[in-house]
Amino acid sequence: MSVAGKIKGLLAIKGRKNKDLACYLGLAMPQALTNKFTRGSFSSEDLIKIAAFLDCELAFILSDGQKITLDVSDIRDDQL
């Protein structure tokens, strides 16, 4: 499943709307989010914000069980 498909699935599970996510991401038009879904063009900042919007963790889990979590504090100030 693609990243876009997984995000859509999480939106459905959490009962959240595309238009609310678009607003949260600061996209001027909901069509911009549709374009991101179509192209699969999510930046790392987008993914971090989407995880926060959906109250999920975005993490790298190493084979030894260590976990490195990304959250909004990892976004550069000029990207907020």
C-alpha atoms as a PDB file:
ATOM      1  CA  MET A   1       0.000   0.000   0.000  1.00  0.00           C
ATOM      2  CA  SER A   2       1.273   3.474  -0.849  1.00  0.00           C
ATOM      3  CA  VAL A   3       1.973   6.204   1.682  1.00  0.00           C
ATOM      4  CA  ALA A   4      -1.062   8.084   0.363  1.00  0.00           C
ATOM      5  CA  GLY A   5      -3.194   4.968   0.813  1.00  0.00           C
ATOM      6  CA  LYS A   6      -1.997   4.519   4.370  1.00  0.00           C
ATOM      7  CA  ILE A   7      -2.744   8.151   5.212  1.00  0.00           C
ATOM      8  CA  LYS A   8      -6.230   7.798   3.714  1.00  0.00           C
ATOM      9  CA  GLY A   9      -6.750   4.654   5.778  1.00  0.00           C
ATOM     10  CA  LEU A  10      -5.649   6.408   8.965  1.00  0.00           C
ATOM     11  CA  LEU A  11      -7.992   9.314   8.204  1.00  0.00           C
ATOM     12  CA  ALA A  12     -10.866   6.839   7.877  1.00  0.00           C
ATOM     13  CA  ILE A  13      -9.937   4.970  11.076  1.00  0.00           C
ATOM     14  CA  LYS A  14      -9.689   8.234  13.015  1.00  0.00           C
ATOM     15  CA  GLY A  15     -12.885   9.637  11.453  1.00  0.00           C
ATOM     16  CA  ARG A  16     -11.119  12.746  10.161  1.00  0.00           C
ATOM     17  CA  LYS A  17     -11.866  14.624   6.937  1.00  0.00           C
ATOM     18  CA  ASN A  18      -9.502  15.518   4.088  1.00  0.00           C
ATOM     19  CA  LYS A  19     -10.578  19.161   4.247  1.00  0.00           C
ATOM     20  CA  ASP A  20      -9.645  19.343   7.950  1.00  0.00           C
ATOM     21  CA  LEU A  21      -6.230  17.844   7.219  1.00  0.00           C
ATOM     22  CA  ALA A  22      -5.707  20.320   4.366  1.00  0.00           C
ATOM     23  CA  CYS A  23      -6.494  23.184   6.732  1.00  0.00           C
ATOM     24  CA  TYR A  24      -4.169  21.753   9.418  1.00  0.00           C
ATOM     25  CA  LEU A  25      -1.350  21.519   6.859  1.00  0.00           C
ATOM     26  CA  GLY A  26      -1.952  25.155   5.899  1.00  0.00           C
ATOM     27  CA  LEU A  27      -2.949  24.347   2.335  1.00  0.00           C
ATOM     28  CA  ALA A  28      -4.889  27.191   0.749  1.00  0.00           C
ATOM     29  CA  MET A  29      -7.171  24.864  -1.203  1.00  0.00           C
ATOM     30  CA  PRO A  30      -8.301  21.295  -0.439  1.00  0.00           C
ATOM     31  CA  GLN A  31      -7.344  20.462  -4.050  1.00  0.00           C
ATOM     32  CA  ALA A  32      -3.693  20.859  -3.011  1.00  0.00           C
ATOM     33  CA  LEU A  33      -4.111  17.899  -0.638  1.00  0.00           C
ATOM     34  CA  THR A  34      -5.771  15.875  -3.391  1.00  0.00           C
ATOM     35  CA  ASN A  35      -2.734  16.606  -5.563  1.00  0.00           C
ATOM     36  CA  LYS A  36      -0.405  15.390  -2.788  1.00  0.00           C
ATOM     37  CA  PHE A  37      -2.431  12.162  -2.540  1.00  0.00           C
ATOM     38  CA  THR A  38      -2.373  11.678  -6.325  1.00  0.00           C
ATOM     39  CA  ARG A  39       1.360  12.317  -6.644  1.00  0.00           C
ATOM     40  CA  GLY A  40       2.378  10.787  -3.318  1.00  0.00           C
ATOM     41  CA  SER A  41       4.362  13.961  -2.725  1.00  0.00           C
ATOM     42  CA  PHE A  42       4.417  14.264   1.059  1.00  0.00           C
ATOM     43  CA  SER A  43       7.445  15.979   2.585  1.00  0.00           C
ATOM     44  CA  SER A  44       8.910  14.883   5.891  1.00  0.00           C
ATOM     45  CA  GLU A  45       7.304  17.971   7.452  1.00  0.00           C
ATOM     46  CA  ASP A  46       3.941  16.938   5.986  1.00  0.00           C
ATOM     47  CA  LEU A  47       4.267  13.443   7.455  1.00  0.00           C
ATOM     48  CA  ILE A  48       5.191  14.781  10.892  1.00  0.00           C
ATOM     49  CA  LYS A  49       2.215  17.162  10.848  1.00  0.00           C
ATOM     50  CA  ILE A  50      -0.121  14.433   9.591  1.00  0.00           C
ATOM     51  CA  ALA A  51       0.967  12.152  12.443  1.00  0.00           C
ATOM     52  CA  ALA A  52       0.253  14.950  14.926  1.00  0.00           C
ATOM     53  CA  PHE A  53      -3.141  15.668  13.310  1.00  0.00           C
ATOM     54  CA  LEU A  54      -4.086  11.999  13.574  1.00  0.00           C
ATOM     55  CA  ASP A  55      -2.681  11.597  17.087  1.00  0.00           C
ATOM     56  CA  CYS A  56      -0.209   8.974  15.829  1.00  0.00           C
ATOM     57  CA  GLU A  57       3.525   8.402  16.187  1.00  0.00           C
ATOM     58  CA  LEU A  58       5.896   8.694  13.253  1.00  0.00           C
ATOM     59  CA  ALA A  59       8.934   6.604  14.095  1.00  0.00           C
ATOM     60  CA  PHE A  60      11.898   4.611  12.865  1.00  0.00           C
ATOM     61  CA  ILE A  61      12.052   1.296  14.695  1.00  0.00           C
ATOM     62  CA  LEU A  62      15.419  -0.426  14.566  1.00  0.00           C
ATOM     63  CA  SER A  63      15.857  -4.192  14.430  1.00  0.00           C
ATOM     64  CA  ASP A  64      17.060  -4.194  18.049  1.00  0.00           C
ATOM     65  CA  GLY A  65      13.833  -2.518  19.184  1.00  0.00           C
ATOM     66  CA  GLN A  66      15.176   1.024  19.563  1.00  0.00           C
ATOM     67  CA  LYS A  67      12.711   3.644  18.397  1.00  0.00           C
ATOM     68  CA  ILE A  68      13.414   7.121  17.091  1.00  0.00           C
ATOM     69  CA  THR A  69      10.235   9.189  17.034  1.00  0.00           C
ATOM     70  CA  LEU A  70       9.691  12.296  14.935  1.00  0.00           C
ATOM     71  CA  ASP A  71       7.304  15.010  16.126  1.00  0.00           C
ATOM     72  CA  VAL A  72       6.549  18.670  15.491  1.00  0.00           C
ATOM     73  CA  SER A  73       9.569  19.735  17.551  1.00  0.00           C
ATOM     74  CA  ASP A  74      11.703  18.255  14.743  1.00  0.00           C
ATOM     75  CA  ILE A  75      10.329  20.698  12.159  1.00  0.00           C
ATOM     76  CA  ARG A  76      12.489  23.717  11.492  1.00  0.00           C
ATOM     77  CA  ASP A  77      10.927  26.943  12.801  1.00  0.00           C
ATOM     78  CA  ASP A  78      10.713  28.398   9.291  1.00  0.00           C
ATOM     79  CA  GLN A  79       8.566  25.405   8.244  1.00  0.00           C
ATOM     80  CA  LEU A  80       5.826  25.943  10.876  1.00  0.00           C
END
